[in-house]
Amino acid sequence: MKKQNNLFFLIGGLLVVILIFFFVFLNPNKINSVSSDQFEQLISSEEVYVINAHTPYIGEIEGTDLNAYNWENMDSYLDQLPEDKSTPIAIYCRSGRMSTISAHQLLELGYTNIYDLDGGMNTWQSSGRNLVQNVEETGEIKEFDIVANNWDFSPNKIEVNLGDQVILNIESVEGAHGIALYDFEINEFINQGDQITIEFIANKQGTFSFYCNVPCGHGHSSMNGLFIVN
């Protein structure tokens, strides 16, 4: 009887695996929402075409084939998308909103095997997985001289392009200050009269805030600026 029960459990387990595989991976002409575990398994295959449908660029999952900045018009990428409409396509964005819209457009274009990462890069990262930065450097160097006074940065607006090398020369003229631009892992202290130089690649698109990270008096809260990456 014990062997018979074990056999039933084994058969039942196999049926569950087969059903999951059929409905999640082999159901054509629909968009399949998949977990991070399933997505990782999918993209491990070279046959799967991987699309990042998020803009502005904040990074990507390793193995991505296409960064679709024009995610609302997927037909603009027909020359880059697989010719075989049955090719499995794994698509994601930051939270799932953009990729869902793009996935429906791919369905309308005739693609039949589409897998959308549920929760996007947010869920991917919260599961302990990492993003990679795959930005082509422009070769352009953008250098800025910034003066830190009580209580402002001058200039307080910096604009560059994605892939630019950025050099910030920051001098603290009045009092001790600091600068924090956490999106680019910048967190520095500057003594009065000192100057520091910070170099990095603008590898994310968007508008980011920087500010003084050292309490410096009643105007401290207004000591901030914008770093814009086009």
Foldseek 3Di string as FASTA:
>chain_A
DVVVVVVVVVVVVVVVVVVCCCVQFVAWLDEHEDELVVLVVVLVDPQEAEEEQEPPDLFAAPNHDYDPPVLQCCVVCPVPDDPPLARAYEYFYQAQPSRVNSQVVSSVVPRIHYYYYHGGPPNNVVVPHDGHQDFAAPPAEAEDEWECEVHEIVPQEAEEAARYKYKYKYAYAYAKWWKDFPSQPGTGTHGHGDIDMDIDGRRTADKTKMATPDDDDDRRVVYIHIYGYD
